[in-house]
Structure formats: C-alpha cells, structure tokens
C-alpha cells in the first residue's frame, strides 16, 4: 500500500519560512518523480514544484521560483519543500505526489498524500 505522509505545515508570518517534508512508503521511490501541489479554498489544485526520479531535474511554478526549493533523499524516501519569503497567497493545503517525470498536471500523478495546511498571516 502506497503512503505519502506530509509534515511540517503550520502558521507563519508573511516573509517567514517553512519546510515541508513527505515520506513515501510502499513504492519504489527512485522510480517516481516527486512533486508538491497546493490548493487554496475554492481553487483548483496547482503545481508548485517537482523533482525528477533521477535526481537531476527540478521544476517550479512561476509564483514560487526563486523562493521555494524542492529536494529529495532517495536513501530516506523523502522529499522536502523549503519555502522562504512566504506571502499570504501561499496559504493553502500542500500535497505531496508521486508520478512520472516531466509533468505538472495533477491528473498525471498516481499517488497523493493527505495534505498539510500552510497558513501565512499578513
């Protein structure tokens, strides 16, 4: 049974930082790209960042480029999202997902975590 378990969400002031983690189990971690998505109330789930399975490629959505960093530890089956200079519009539930390399559409990702709430106060 595949499980993706996110942690690290919480309340942070605008301009602050937060680090999210996701631990995967039940799958061959190195066979999947790992990604983060987010969903604010009343909006569609949107792509945030992805890290390729081979460890060489990362991609980011324009709103977070330069402020968020995704990394993965294949020995620990974890992927992290370091978020800095947070803005209030980053408030959302953040989801970890596993899927193929090179995609940012939620429908392409087969496995999802339950999500962790990030709230940025202005």
PDB file of N, CA and C in Angstrom:
ATOM      1  N   UNK A   1       0.847  -1.191   0.000  1.00  0.00           N
ATOM      2  CA  UNK A   1       0.000   0.000   0.000  1.00  0.00           C
ATOM      3  C   UNK A   1       0.880   1.237   0.000  1.00  0.00           C
ATOM      4  N   UNK A   2       0.660   2.074  -0.991  1.00  0.00           N
ATOM      5  CA  UNK A   2       1.459   3.287  -1.100  1.00  0.00           C
ATOM      6  C   UNK A   2       0.948   4.326  -0.102  1.00  0.00           C
ATOM      7  N   UNK A   3       1.880   4.925   0.607  1.00  0.00           N
ATOM      8  CA  UNK A   3       1.534   6.014   1.524  1.00  0.00           C
ATOM      9  C   UNK A   3       2.506   7.156   1.338  1.00  0.00           C
ATOM     10  N   UNK A   4       1.965   8.347   1.256  1.00  0.00           N
ATOM     11  CA  UNK A   4       2.753   9.569   1.246  1.00  0.00           C
ATOM     12  C   UNK A   4       2.289  10.383   2.443  1.00  0.00           C
ATOM     13  N   UNK A   5       3.204  10.658   3.340  1.00  0.00           N
ATOM     14  CA  UNK A   5       2.841  11.322   4.588  1.00  0.00           C
ATOM     15  C   UNK A   5       3.562  12.656   4.687  1.00  0.00           C
ATOM     16  N   UNK A   6       2.791  13.739   4.616  1.00  0.00           N
ATOM     17  CA  UNK A   6       3.364  15.078   4.699  1.00  0.00           C
ATOM     18  C   UNK A   6       3.448  15.536   6.157  1.00  0.00           C
ATOM     19  N   UNK A   7       4.391  16.414   6.400  1.00  0.00           N
ATOM     20  CA  UNK A   7       4.518  17.041   7.714  1.00  0.00           C
ATOM     21  C   UNK A   7       5.177  18.402   7.535  1.00  0.00           C
ATOM     22  N   UNK A   8       5.074  19.222   8.579  1.00  0.00           N
ATOM     23  CA  UNK A   8       5.772  20.493   8.569  1.00  0.00           C
ATOM     24  C   UNK A   8       4.908  21.711   8.325  1.00  0.00           C
ATOM     25  N   UNK A   9       3.635  21.506   8.055  1.00  0.00           N
ATOM     26  CA  UNK A   9       2.765  22.661   7.848  1.00  0.00           C
ATOM     27  C   UNK A   9       2.528  23.411   9.144  1.00  0.00           C
ATOM     28  N   UNK A  10       1.941  24.587   9.014  1.00  0.00           N
ATOM     29  CA  UNK A  10       1.643  25.374  10.196  1.00  0.00           C
ATOM     30  C   UNK A  10       1.361  26.812   9.844  1.00  0.00           C
ATOM     31  N   UNK A  11       1.420  27.645  10.870  1.00  0.00           N
ATOM     32  CA  UNK A  11       1.158  29.074  10.733  1.00  0.00           C
ATOM     33  C   UNK A  11       2.479  29.827  10.749  1.00  0.00           C
ATOM     34  N   UNK A  12       2.644  30.713   9.799  1.00  0.00           N
ATOM     35  CA  UNK A  12       3.871  31.505   9.703  1.00  0.00           C
ATOM     36  C   UNK A  12       3.504  32.914   9.254  1.00  0.00           C
ATOM     37  N   UNK A  13       4.281  33.867   9.683  1.00  0.00           N
ATOM     38  CA  UNK A  13       4.053  35.242   9.263  1.00  0.00           C
ATOM     39  C   UNK A  13       4.567  35.474   7.848  1.00  0.00           C
ATOM     40  N   UNK A  14       3.961  36.405   7.170  1.00  0.00           N
ATOM     41  CA  UNK A  14       4.428  36.771   5.840  1.00  0.00           C
ATOM     42  C   UNK A  14       5.903  37.174   5.905  1.00  0.00           C
ATOM     43  N   UNK A  15       6.651  36.691   4.950  1.00  0.00           N
ATOM     44  CA  UNK A  15       8.082  36.919   4.929  1.00  0.00           C
ATOM     45  C   UNK A  15       8.890  35.838   5.600  1.00  0.00           C
ATOM     46  N   UNK A  16       8.199  34.950   6.296  1.00  0.00           N
ATOM     47  CA  UNK A  16       8.884  33.882   7.009  1.00  0.00           C
ATOM     48  C   UNK A  16       9.135  32.666   6.145  1.00  0.00           C
ATOM     49  N   UNK A  17       9.639  31.611   6.788  1.00  0.00           N
ATOM     50  CA  UNK A  17      10.000  30.379   6.090  1.00  0.00           C
ATOM     51  C   UNK A  17       9.330  29.186   6.742  1.00  0.00           C
ATOM     52  N   UNK A  18       9.207  28.143   5.961  1.00  0.00           N
ATOM     53  CA  UNK A  18       8.622  26.897   6.444  1.00  0.00           C
ATOM     54  C   UNK A  18       9.167  25.769   5.590  1.00  0.00           C
ATOM     55  N   UNK A  19       9.367  24.622   6.209  1.00  0.00           N
ATOM     56  CA  UNK A  19       9.873  23.464   5.476  1.00  0.00           C
ATOM     57  C   UNK A  19       8.881  22.322   5.592  1.00  0.00           C
ATOM     58  N   UNK A  20       8.437  21.836   4.453  1.00  0.00           N
ATOM     59  CA  UNK A  20       7.539  20.688   4.400  1.00  0.00           C
ATOM     60  C   UNK A  20       8.328  19.437   4.060  1.00  0.00           C
ATOM     61  N   UNK A  21       7.893  18.322   4.619  1.00  0.00           N
ATOM     62  CA  UNK A  21       8.512  17.033   4.321  1.00  0.00           C
ATOM     63  C   UNK A  21       7.447  16.031   3.934  1.00  0.00           C
ATOM     64  N   UNK A  22       7.863  15.069   3.132  1.00  0.00           N
ATOM     65  CA  UNK A  22       6.955  13.998   2.718  1.00  0.00           C
ATOM     66  C   UNK A  22       7.750  12.700   2.712  1.00  0.00           C
ATOM     67  N   UNK A  23       7.259  11.743   3.458  1.00  0.00           N
ATOM     68  CA  UNK A  23       7.906  10.421   3.485  1.00  0.00           C
ATOM     69  C   UNK A  23       7.034   9.434   2.735  1.00  0.00           C
ATOM     70  N   UNK A  24       7.656   8.734   1.800  1.00  0.00           N
ATOM     71  CA  UNK A  24       6.934   7.766   0.971  1.00  0.00           C
ATOM     72  C   UNK A  24       7.215   6.342   1.416  1.00  0.00           C
ATOM     73  N   UNK A  25       6.220   5.498   1.305  1.00  0.00           N
ATOM     74  CA  UNK A  25       6.402   4.076   1.580  1.00  0.00           C
ATOM     75  C   UNK A  25       5.494   3.282   0.651  1.00  0.00           C
ATOM     76  N   UNK A  26       5.868   2.032   0.432  1.00  0.00           N
ATOM     77  CA  UNK A  26       5.039   1.162  -0.393  1.00  0.00           C
ATOM     78  C   UNK A  26       5.253   1.309  -1.887  1.00  0.00           C
ATOM     79  N   UNK A  27       6.243   2.080  -2.292  1.00  0.00           N
ATOM     80  CA  UNK A  27       6.543   2.209  -3.710  1.00  0.00           C
ATOM     81  C   UNK A  27       8.056   2.258  -3.903  1.00  0.00           C
ATOM     82  N   UNK A  28       8.484   2.049  -5.140  1.00  0.00           N
ATOM     83  CA  UNK A  28       9.895   2.171  -5.470  1.00  0.00           C
ATOM     84  C   UNK A  28      10.179   3.649  -5.679  1.00  0.00           C
ATOM     85  N   UNK A  29      10.668   4.280  -4.637  1.00  0.00           N
ATOM     86  CA  UNK A  29      10.778   5.741  -4.604  1.00  0.00           C
ATOM     87  C   UNK A  29      11.578   6.274  -5.785  1.00  0.00           C
ATOM     88  N   UNK A  30      12.641   5.592  -6.138  1.00  0.00           N
ATOM     89  CA  UNK A  30      13.517   6.089  -7.200  1.00  0.00           C
ATOM     90  C   UNK A  30      12.911   5.941  -8.593  1.00  0.00           C
ATOM     91  N   UNK A  31      11.747   5.334  -8.684  1.00  0.00           N
ATOM     92  CA  UNK A  31      11.087   5.187  -9.978  1.00  0.00           C
ATOM     93  C   UNK A  31      10.106   6.319 -10.260  1.00  0.00           C
ATOM     94  N   UNK A  32       9.950   7.245  -9.318  1.00  0.00           N
ATOM     95  CA  UNK A  32       8.949   8.289  -9.439  1.00  0.00           C
ATOM     96  C   UNK A  32       9.550   9.678  -9.286  1.00  0.00           C
ATOM     97  N   UNK A  33       9.030  10.577 -10.101  1.00  0.00           N
ATOM     98  CA  UNK A  33       9.217  11.993  -9.800  1.00  0.00           C
ATOM     99  C   UNK A  33       8.340  12.317  -8.601  1.00  0.00           C
ATOM    100  N   UNK A  34       8.821  13.216  -7.778  1.00  0.00           N
ATOM    101  CA  UNK A  34       8.068  13.644  -6.611  1.00  0.00           C
ATOM    102  C   UNK A  34       7.736  15.127  -6.753  1.00  0.00           C
ATOM    103  N   UNK A  35       6.538  15.474  -6.388  1.00  0.00           N
ATOM    104  CA  UNK A  35       6.095  16.839  -6.605  1.00  0.00           C
ATOM    105  C   UNK A  35       5.286  17.354  -5.422  1.00  0.00           C
ATOM    106  N   UNK A  36       5.184  18.660  -5.378  1.00  0.00           N
ATOM    107  CA  UNK A  36       4.313  19.335  -4.424  1.00  0.00           C
ATOM    108  C   UNK A  36       3.274  20.131  -5.205  1.00  0.00           C
ATOM    109  N   UNK A  37       2.049  20.030  -4.734  1.00  0.00           N
ATOM    110  CA  UNK A  37       0.946  20.824  -5.253  1.00  0.00           C
ATOM    111  C   UNK A  37       0.321  21.554  -4.066  1.00  0.00           C
ATOM    112  N   UNK A  38      -0.500  22.527  -4.370  1.00  0.00           N
ATOM    113  CA  UNK A  38      -1.233  23.209  -3.306  1.00  0.00           C
ATOM    114  C   UNK A  38      -2.632  23.555  -3.794  1.00  0.00           C
ATOM    115  N   UNK A  39      -3.511  23.677  -2.825  1.00  0.00           N
ATOM    116  CA  UNK A  39      -4.899  24.001  -3.140  1.00  0.00           C
ATOM    117  C   UNK A  39      -5.456  24.909  -2.061  1.00  0.00           C
ATOM    118  N   UNK A  40      -5.813  26.108  -2.476  1.00  0.00           N
ATOM    119  CA  UNK A  40      -6.467  27.060  -1.582  1.00  0.00           C
ATOM    120  C   UNK A  40      -7.979  26.859  -1.693  1.00  0.00           C
ATOM    121  N   UNK A  41      -8.727  27.277  -0.681  1.00  0.00           N
ATOM    122  CA  UNK A  41     -10.187  27.105  -0.723  1.00  0.00           C
ATOM    123  C   UNK A  41     -10.792  27.728  -1.975  1.00  0.00           C
ATOM    124  N   UNK A  42     -11.658  26.969  -2.633  1.00  0.00           N
ATOM    125  CA  UNK A  42     -12.356  27.487  -3.805  1.00  0.00           C
ATOM    126  C   UNK A  42     -11.533  27.536  -5.071  1.00  0.00           C
ATOM    127  N   UNK A  43     -10.329  26.961  -5.047  1.00  0.00           N
ATOM    128  CA  UNK A  43      -9.476  26.984  -6.234  1.00  0.00           C
ATOM    129  C   UNK A  43      -9.105  25.561  -6.639  1.00  0.00           C
ATOM    130  N   UNK A  44      -8.564  25.436  -7.842  1.00  0.00           N
ATOM    131  CA  UNK A  44      -8.089  24.133  -8.297  1.00  0.00           C
ATOM    132  C   UNK A  44      -6.709  23.856  -7.725  1.00  0.00           C
ATOM    133  N   UNK A  45      -6.407  22.586  -7.644  1.00  0.00           N
ATOM    134  CA  UNK A  45      -5.080  22.191  -7.184  1.00  0.00           C
ATOM    135  C   UNK A  45      -4.053  22.649  -8.212  1.00  0.00           C
ATOM    136  N   UNK A  46      -2.989  23.276  -7.732  1.00  0.00           N
ATOM    137  CA  UNK A  46      -1.996  23.812  -8.652  1.00  0.00           C
ATOM    138  C   UNK A  46      -0.602  23.272  -8.342  1.00  0.00           C
ATOM    139  N   UNK A  47       0.150  23.149  -9.384  1.00  0.00           N
ATOM    140  CA  UNK A  47       1.521  22.665  -9.304  1.00  0.00           C
ATOM    141  C   UNK A  47       2.404  23.686  -8.593  1.00  0.00           C
ATOM    142  N   UNK A  48       3.286  23.194  -7.733  1.00  0.00           N
ATOM    143  CA  UNK A  48       4.248  24.054  -7.051  1.00  0.00           C
ATOM    144  C   UNK A  48       5.676  23.733  -7.505  1.00  0.00           C
ATOM    145  N   UNK A  49       6.077  22.475  -7.359  1.00  0.00           N
ATOM    146  CA  UNK A  49       7.444  22.083  -7.699  1.00  0.00           C
ATOM    147  C   UNK A  49       7.517  20.581  -7.894  1.00  0.00           C
ATOM    148  N   UNK A  50       8.533  20.149  -8.651  1.00  0.00           N
ATOM    149  CA  UNK A  50       8.744  18.723  -8.867  1.00  0.00           C
ATOM    150  C   UNK A  50      10.222  18.419  -8.931  1.00  0.00           C
ATOM    151  N   UNK A  51      10.555  17.200  -8.558  1.00  0.00           N
ATOM    152  CA  UNK A  51      11.941  16.733  -8.600  1.00  0.00           C
ATOM    153  C   UNK A  51      11.939  15.396  -9.334  1.00  0.00           C
ATOM    154  N   UNK A  52      12.731  15.313 -10.378  1.00  0.00           N
ATOM    155  CA  UNK A  52      12.729  14.100 -11.204  1.00  0.00           C
ATOM    156  C   UNK A  52      13.234  12.895 -10.432  1.00  0.00           C
ATOM    157  N   UNK A  53      12.889  11.700 -10.936  1.00  0.00           N
ATOM    158  CA  UNK A  53      13.274  10.469 -10.246  1.00  0.00           C
ATOM    159  C   UNK A  53      14.766  10.254 -10.298  1.00  0.00           C
ATOM    160  N   UNK A  54      15.420  10.773 -11.352  1.00  0.00           N
ATOM    161  CA  UNK A  54      16.848  10.528 -11.493  1.00  0.00           C
ATOM    162  C   UNK A  54      17.688  11.533 -10.729  1.00  0.00           C
ATOM    163  N   UNK A  55      17.010  12.485 -10.062  1.00  0.00           N
ATOM    164  CA  UNK A  55      17.723  13.402  -9.181  1.00  0.00           C
ATOM    165  C   UNK A  55      18.353  14.594  -9.841  1.00  0.00           C
ATOM    166  N   UNK A  56      18.196  14.710 -11.141  1.00  0.00           N
ATOM    167  CA  UNK A  56      18.893  15.800 -11.830  1.00  0.00           C
ATOM    168  C   UNK A  56      18.011  16.970 -12.224  1.00  0.00           C
ATOM    169  N   UNK A  57      16.717  16.756 -12.235  1.00  0.00           N
ATOM    170  CA  UNK A  57      15.873  17.819 -12.740  1.00  0.00           C
ATOM    171  C   UNK A  57      14.870  18.315 -11.722  1.00  0.00           C
ATOM    172  N   UNK A  58      14.756  19.640 -11.613  1.00  0.00           N
ATOM    173  CA  UNK A  58      13.720  20.241 -10.785  1.00  0.00           C
ATOM    174  C   UNK A  58      12.961  21.256 -11.624  1.00  0.00           C
ATOM    175  N   UNK A  59      11.725  21.476 -11.256  1.00  0.00           N
ATOM    176  CA  UNK A  59      10.919  22.493 -11.930  1.00  0.00           C
ATOM    177  C   UNK A  59      10.029  23.169 -10.908  1.00  0.00           C
ATOM    178  N   UNK A  60       9.698  24.406 -11.173  1.00  0.00           N
ATOM    179  CA  UNK A  60       8.918  25.222 -10.255  1.00  0.00           C
ATOM    180  C   UNK A  60       7.879  26.022 -11.016  1.00  0.00           C
ATOM    181  N   UNK A  61       6.779  26.299 -10.335  1.00  0.00           N
ATOM    182  CA  UNK A  61       5.814  27.219 -10.917  1.00  0.00           C
ATOM    183  C   UNK A  61       6.382  28.632 -10.805  1.00  0.00           C
ATOM    184  N   UNK A  62       5.931  29.499 -11.672  1.00  0.00           N
ATOM    185  CA  UNK A  62       6.461  30.867 -11.671  1.00  0.00           C
ATOM    186  C   UNK A  62       6.269  31.597 -10.341  1.00  0.00           C
ATOM    187  N   UNK A  63       5.128  31.441  -9.669  1.00  0.00           N
ATOM    188  CA  UNK A  63       4.938  32.196  -8.417  1.00  0.00           C
ATOM    189  C   UNK A  63       5.933  31.854  -7.308  1.00  0.00           C
ATOM    190  N   UNK A  64       6.527  30.664  -7.368  1.00  0.00           N
ATOM    191  CA  UNK A  64       7.412  30.260  -6.270  1.00  0.00           C
ATOM    192  C   UNK A  64       8.875  30.210  -6.677  1.00  0.00           C
ATOM    193  N   UNK A  65       9.135  30.383  -7.956  1.00  0.00           N
ATOM    194  CA  UNK A  65      10.507  30.279  -8.453  1.00  0.00           C
ATOM    195  C   UNK A  65      11.412  31.279  -7.745  1.00  0.00           C
ATOM    196  N   UNK A  66      12.522  30.785  -7.253  1.00  0.00           N
ATOM    197  CA  UNK A  66      13.480  31.639  -6.562  1.00  0.00           C
ATOM    198  C   UNK A  66      13.245  31.728  -5.066  1.00  0.00           C
ATOM    199  N   UNK A  67      12.100  31.261  -4.600  1.00  0.00           N
ATOM    200  CA  UNK A  67      11.808  31.318  -3.162  1.00  0.00           C
ATOM    201  C   UNK A  67      11.610  29.945  -2.548  1.00  0.00           C
ATOM    202  N   UNK A  68      11.164  28.981  -3.332  1.00  0.00           N
ATOM    203  CA  UNK A  68      10.950  27.614  -2.855  1.00  0.00           C
ATOM    204  C   UNK A  68      12.032  26.710  -3.444  1.00  0.00           C
ATOM    205  N   UNK A  69      12.422  25.709  -2.660  1.00  0.00           N
ATOM    206  CA  UNK A  69      13.399  24.733  -3.129  1.00  0.00           C
ATOM    207  C   UNK A  69      12.908  23.332  -2.800  1.00  0.00           C
ATOM    208  N   UNK A  70      12.873  22.483  -3.825  1.00  0.00           N
ATOM    209  CA  UNK A  70      12.494  21.088  -3.622  1.00  0.00           C
ATOM    210  C   UNK A  70      13.746  20.230  -3.637  1.00  0.00           C
ATOM    211  N   UNK A  71      13.780  19.259  -2.748  1.00  0.00           N
ATOM    212  CA  UNK A  71      14.911  18.331  -2.716  1.00  0.00           C
ATOM    213  C   UNK A  71      14.389  16.948  -2.327  1.00  0.00           C
ATOM    214  N   UNK A  72      15.183  15.949  -2.647  1.00  0.00           N
ATOM    215  CA  UNK A  72      14.771  14.596  -2.305  1.00  0.00           C
ATOM    216  C   UNK A  72      15.956  13.820  -1.770  1.00  0.00           C
ATOM    217  N   UNK A  73      15.649  12.884  -0.891  1.00  0.00           N
ATOM    218  CA  UNK A  73      16.651  11.994  -0.314  1.00  0.00           C
ATOM    219  C   UNK A  73      16.205  10.575  -0.636  1.00  0.00           C
ATOM    220  N   UNK A  74      16.826   9.984  -1.640  1.00  0.00           N
ATOM    221  CA  UNK A  74      16.406   8.657  -2.071  1.00  0.00           C
ATOM    222  C   UNK A  74      16.720   7.573  -1.042  1.00  0.00           C
ATOM    223  N   UNK A  75      17.677   7.827  -0.187  1.00  0.00           N
ATOM    224  CA  UNK A  75      18.001   6.851   0.864  1.00  0.00           C
ATOM    225  C   UNK A  75      16.924   6.825   1.945  1.00  0.00           C
ATOM    226  N   UNK A  76      16.275   7.962   2.140  1.00  0.00           N
ATOM    227  CA  UNK A  76      15.251   8.073   3.184  1.00  0.00           C
ATOM    228  C   UNK A  76      13.825   8.092   2.620  1.00  0.00           C
ATOM    229  N   UNK A  77      13.700   8.007   1.309  1.00  0.00           N
ATOM    230  CA  UNK A  77      12.383   8.066   0.662  1.00  0.00           C
ATOM    231  C   UNK A  77      11.614   9.322   1.054  1.00  0.00           C
ATOM    232  N   UNK A  78      12.325  10.437   1.075  1.00  0.00           N
ATOM    233  CA  UNK A  78      11.672  11.685   1.462  1.00  0.00           C
ATOM    234  C   UNK A  78      11.890  12.771   0.414  1.00  0.00           C
ATOM    235  N   UNK A  79      10.951  13.656   0.357  1.00  0.00           N
ATOM    236  CA  UNK A  79      11.060  14.850  -0.467  1.00  0.00           C
ATOM    237  C   UNK A  79      10.665  16.030   0.409  1.00  0.00           C
ATOM    238  N   UNK A  80      11.402  17.111   0.277  1.00  0.00           N
ATOM    239  CA  UNK A  80      11.132  18.284   1.099  1.00  0.00           C
ATOM    240  C   UNK A  80      10.879  19.499   0.220  1.00  0.00           C
ATOM    241  N   UNK A  81      10.192  20.445   0.792  1.00  0.00           N
ATOM    242  CA  UNK A  81       9.946  21.718   0.127  1.00  0.00           C
ATOM    243  C   UNK A  81      10.296  22.819   1.108  1.00  0.00           C
ATOM    244  N   UNK A  82      11.391  23.495   0.839  1.00  0.00           N
ATOM    245  CA  UNK A  82      11.798  24.625   1.664  1.00  0.00           C
ATOM    246  C   UNK A  82      11.165  25.869   1.067  1.00  0.00           C
ATOM    247  N   UNK A  83      10.385  26.552   1.876  1.00  0.00           N
ATOM    248  CA  UNK A  83       9.672  27.732   1.407  1.00  0.00           C
ATOM    249  C   UNK A  83      10.189  28.952   2.163  1.00  0.00           C
ATOM    250  N   UNK A  84      10.586  29.956   1.436  1.00  0.00           N
ATOM    251  CA  UNK A  84      11.085  31.179   2.053  1.00  0.00           C
ATOM    252  C   UNK A  84      10.318  32.382   1.508  1.00  0.00           C
ATOM    253  N   UNK A  85      10.469  33.507   2.213  1.00  0.00           N
ATOM    254  CA  UNK A  85       9.797  34.745   1.792  1.00  0.00           C
ATOM    255  C   UNK A  85       8.327  34.476   1.469  1.00  0.00           C
ATOM    256  N   UNK A  86       7.672  33.818   2.393  1.00  0.00           N
ATOM    257  CA  UNK A  86       6.294  33.421   2.155  1.00  0.00           C
ATOM    258  C   UNK A  86       5.357  34.618   2.096  1.00  0.00           C
ATOM    259  N   UNK A  87       4.378  34.494   1.215  1.00  0.00           N
ATOM    260  CA  UNK A  87       3.374  35.524   1.037  1.00  0.00           C
ATOM    261  C   UNK A  87       2.020  34.968   1.446  1.00  0.00           C
ATOM    262  N   UNK A  88       1.089  35.845   1.752  1.00  0.00           N
ATOM    263  CA  UNK A  88      -0.218  35.394   2.226  1.00  0.00           C
ATOM    264  C   UNK A  88      -0.936  34.535   1.188  1.00  0.00           C
ATOM    265  N   UNK A  89      -0.670  34.784  -0.090  1.00  0.00           N
ATOM    266  CA  UNK A  89      -1.337  33.992  -1.121  1.00  0.00           C
ATOM    267  C   UNK A  89      -0.799  32.573  -1.216  1.00  0.00           C
ATOM    268  N   UNK A  90       0.218  32.258  -0.428  1.00  0.00           N
ATOM    269  CA  UNK A  90       0.714  30.881  -0.356  1.00  0.00           C
ATOM    270  C   UNK A  90      -0.131  30.030   0.580  1.00  0.00           C
ATOM    271  N   UNK A  91      -1.068  30.648   1.278  1.00  0.00           N
ATOM    272  CA  UNK A  91      -1.940  29.897   2.179  1.00  0.00           C
ATOM    273  C   UNK A  91      -2.740  28.866   1.395  1.00  0.00           C
ATOM    274  N   UNK A  92      -2.586  27.603   1.786  1.00  0.00           N
ATOM    275  CA  UNK A  92      -3.224  26.508   1.062  1.00  0.00           C
ATOM    276  C   UNK A  92      -2.932  25.206   1.788  1.00  0.00           C
ATOM    277  N   UNK A  93      -3.587  24.160   1.338  1.00  0.00           N
ATOM    278  CA  UNK A  93      -3.191  22.814   1.733  1.00  0.00           C
ATOM    279  C   UNK A  93      -2.164  22.346   0.712  1.00  0.00           C
ATOM    280  N   UNK A  94      -1.046  21.869   1.203  1.00  0.00           N
ATOM    281  CA  UNK A  94       0.038  21.410   0.342  1.00  0.00           C
ATOM    282  C   UNK A  94       0.051  19.887   0.306  1.00  0.00           C
ATOM    283  N   UNK A  95       0.115  19.372  -0.913  1.00  0.00           N
ATOM    284  CA  UNK A  95       0.075  17.939  -1.136  1.00  0.00           C
ATOM    285  C   UNK A  95       1.366  17.445  -1.756  1.00  0.00           C
ATOM    286  N   UNK A  96       1.804  16.320  -1.314  1.00  0.00           N
ATOM    287  CA  UNK A  96       2.917  15.606  -1.907  1.00  0.00           C
ATOM    288  C   UNK A  96       2.338  14.588  -2.896  1.00  0.00           C
ATOM    289  N   UNK A  97       3.022  14.399  -4.028  1.00  0.00           N
ATOM    290  CA  UNK A  97       2.520  13.464  -5.026  1.00  0.00           C
ATOM    291  C   UNK A  97       3.669  12.752  -5.716  1.00  0.00           C
ATOM    292  N   UNK A  98       3.391  11.548  -6.202  1.00  0.00           N
ATOM    293  CA  UNK A  98       4.376  10.752  -6.940  1.00  0.00           C
ATOM    294  C   UNK A  98       3.828  10.452  -8.327  1.00  0.00           C
ATOM    295  N   UNK A  99       4.692  10.626  -9.331  1.00  0.00           N
ATOM    296  CA  UNK A  99       4.251  10.399 -10.689  1.00  0.00           C
ATOM    297  C   UNK A  99       5.409  10.359 -11.658  1.00  0.00           C
ATOM    298  N   UNK A 100       5.139  10.470 -12.948  1.00  0.00           N
ATOM    299  CA  UNK A 100       6.201  10.387 -13.948  1.00  0.00           C
ATOM    300  C   UNK A 100       6.972  11.695 -14.067  1.00  0.00           C
ATOM    301  N   UNK A 101       8.176  11.580 -14.620  1.00  0.00           N
ATOM    302  CA  UNK A 101       8.982  12.774 -14.875  1.00  0.00           C
ATOM    303  C   UNK A 101       8.310  13.684 -15.880  1.00  0.00           C
ATOM    304  N   UNK A 102       8.518  14.965 -15.707  1.00  0.00           N
ATOM    305  CA  UNK A 102       8.211  15.912 -16.762  1.00  0.00           C
ATOM    306  C   UNK A 102       6.788  16.429 -16.826  1.00  0.00           C
ATOM    307  N   UNK A 103       5.993  16.191 -15.792  1.00  0.00           N
ATOM    308  CA  UNK A 103       4.608  16.637 -15.832  1.00  0.00           C
ATOM    309  C   UNK A 103       4.288  17.535 -14.637  1.00  0.00           C
ATOM    310  N   UNK A 104       3.336  18.419 -14.841  1.00  0.00           N
ATOM    311  CA  UNK A 104       2.884  19.288 -13.760  1.00  0.00           C
ATOM    312  C   UNK A 104       1.365  19.239 -13.593  1.00  0.00           C
ATOM    313  N   UNK A 105       0.703  18.417 -14.386  1.00  0.00           N
ATOM    314  CA  UNK A 105      -0.752  18.303 -14.274  1.00  0.00           C
ATOM    315  C   UNK A 105      -1.093  17.318 -13.164  1.00  0.00           C
ATOM    316  N   UNK A 106      -1.971  17.698 -12.256  1.00  0.00           N
ATOM    317  CA  UNK A 106      -2.325  16.791 -11.149  1.00  0.00           C
ATOM    318  C   UNK A 106      -2.781  15.420 -11.622  1.00  0.00           C
ATOM    319  N   UNK A 107      -3.495  15.370 -12.724  1.00  0.00           N
ATOM    320  CA  UNK A 107      -4.022  14.101 -13.214  1.00  0.00           C
ATOM    321  C   UNK A 107      -2.965  13.098 -13.609  1.00  0.00           C
ATOM    322  N   UNK A 108      -1.739  13.554 -13.786  1.00  0.00           N
ATOM    323  CA  UNK A 108      -0.667  12.646 -14.188  1.00  0.00           C
ATOM    324  C   UNK A 108      -0.018  11.957 -12.989  1.00  0.00           C
ATOM    325  N   UNK A 109      -0.364  12.368 -11.802  1.00  0.00           N
ATOM    326  CA  UNK A 109       0.270  11.826 -10.600  1.00  0.00           C
ATOM    327  C   UNK A 109      -0.647  10.784  -9.962  1.00  0.00           C
ATOM    328  N   UNK A 110      -0.085   9.592  -9.773  1.00  0.00           N
ATOM    329  CA  UNK A 110      -0.892   8.457  -9.346  1.00  0.00           C
ATOM    330  C   UNK A 110      -1.124   8.404  -7.841  1.00  0.00           C
ATOM    331  N   UNK A 111      -0.162   8.924  -7.102  1.00  0.00           N
ATOM    332  CA  UNK A 111      -0.219   8.780  -5.645  1.00  0.00           C
ATOM    333  C   UNK A 111      -0.149  10.131  -4.983  1.00  0.00           C
ATOM    334  N   UNK A 112      -0.961  10.262  -3.916  1.00  0.00           N
ATOM    335  CA  UNK A 112      -1.088  11.540  -3.230  1.00  0.00           C
ATOM    336  C   UNK A 112      -1.083  11.348  -1.714  1.00  0.00           C
ATOM    337  N   UNK A 113      -0.538  12.346  -1.039  1.00  0.00           N
ATOM    338  CA  UNK A 113      -0.668  12.390   0.400  1.00  0.00           C
ATOM    339  C   UNK A 113      -1.970  13.057   0.796  1.00  0.00           C
ATOM    340  N   UNK A 114      -2.204  13.129   2.091  1.00  0.00           N
ATOM    341  CA  UNK A 114      -3.443  13.718   2.614  1.00  0.00           C
ATOM    342  C   UNK A 114      -3.369  15.239   2.669  1.00  0.00           C
ATOM    343  N   UNK A 115      -2.186  15.781   2.610  1.00  0.00           N
ATOM    344  CA  UNK A 115      -2.034  17.226   2.623  1.00  0.00           C
ATOM    345  C   UNK A 115      -1.689  17.766   3.997  1.00  0.00           C
ATOM    346  N   UNK A 116      -1.042  18.920   3.995  1.00  0.00           N
ATOM    347  CA  UNK A 116      -0.705  19.617   5.225  1.00  0.00           C
ATOM    348  C   UNK A 116      -1.014  21.102   5.031  1.00  0.00           C
ATOM    349  N   UNK A 117      -1.633  21.687   6.034  1.00  0.00           N
ATOM    350  CA  UNK A 117      -2.090  23.078   5.923  1.00  0.00           C
ATOM    351  C   UNK A 117      -0.937  24.047   6.166  1.00  0.00           C
ATOM    352  N   UNK A 118      -0.817  24.997   5.279  1.00  0.00           N
ATOM    353  CA  UNK A 118       0.113  26.106   5.450  1.00  0.00           C
ATOM    354  C   UNK A 118      -0.705  27.386   5.467  1.00  0.00           C
ATOM    355  N   UNK A 119      -0.538  28.160   6.524  1.00  0.00           N
ATOM    356  CA  UNK A 119      -1.246  29.427   6.643  1.00  0.00           C
ATOM    357  C   UNK A 119      -0.229  30.538   6.844  1.00  0.00           C
ATOM    358  N   UNK A 120      -0.280  31.519   5.964  1.00  0.00           N
ATOM    359  CA  UNK A 120       0.636  32.645   6.040  1.00  0.00           C
ATOM    360  C   UNK A 120      -0.170  33.871   6.439  1.00  0.00           C
ATOM    361  N   UNK A 121       0.161  34.419   7.580  1.00  0.00           N
ATOM    362  CA  UNK A 121      -0.567  35.577   8.085  1.00  0.00           C
ATOM    363  C   UNK A 121       0.120  36.861   7.624  1.00  0.00           C
ATOM    364  N   UNK A 122      -0.697  37.825   7.258  1.00  0.00           N
ATOM    365  CA  UNK A 122      -0.133  39.089   6.753  1.00  0.00           C
ATOM    366  C   UNK A 122      -0.008  40.118   7.874  1.00  0.00           C
TER     367      UNK A 122
END
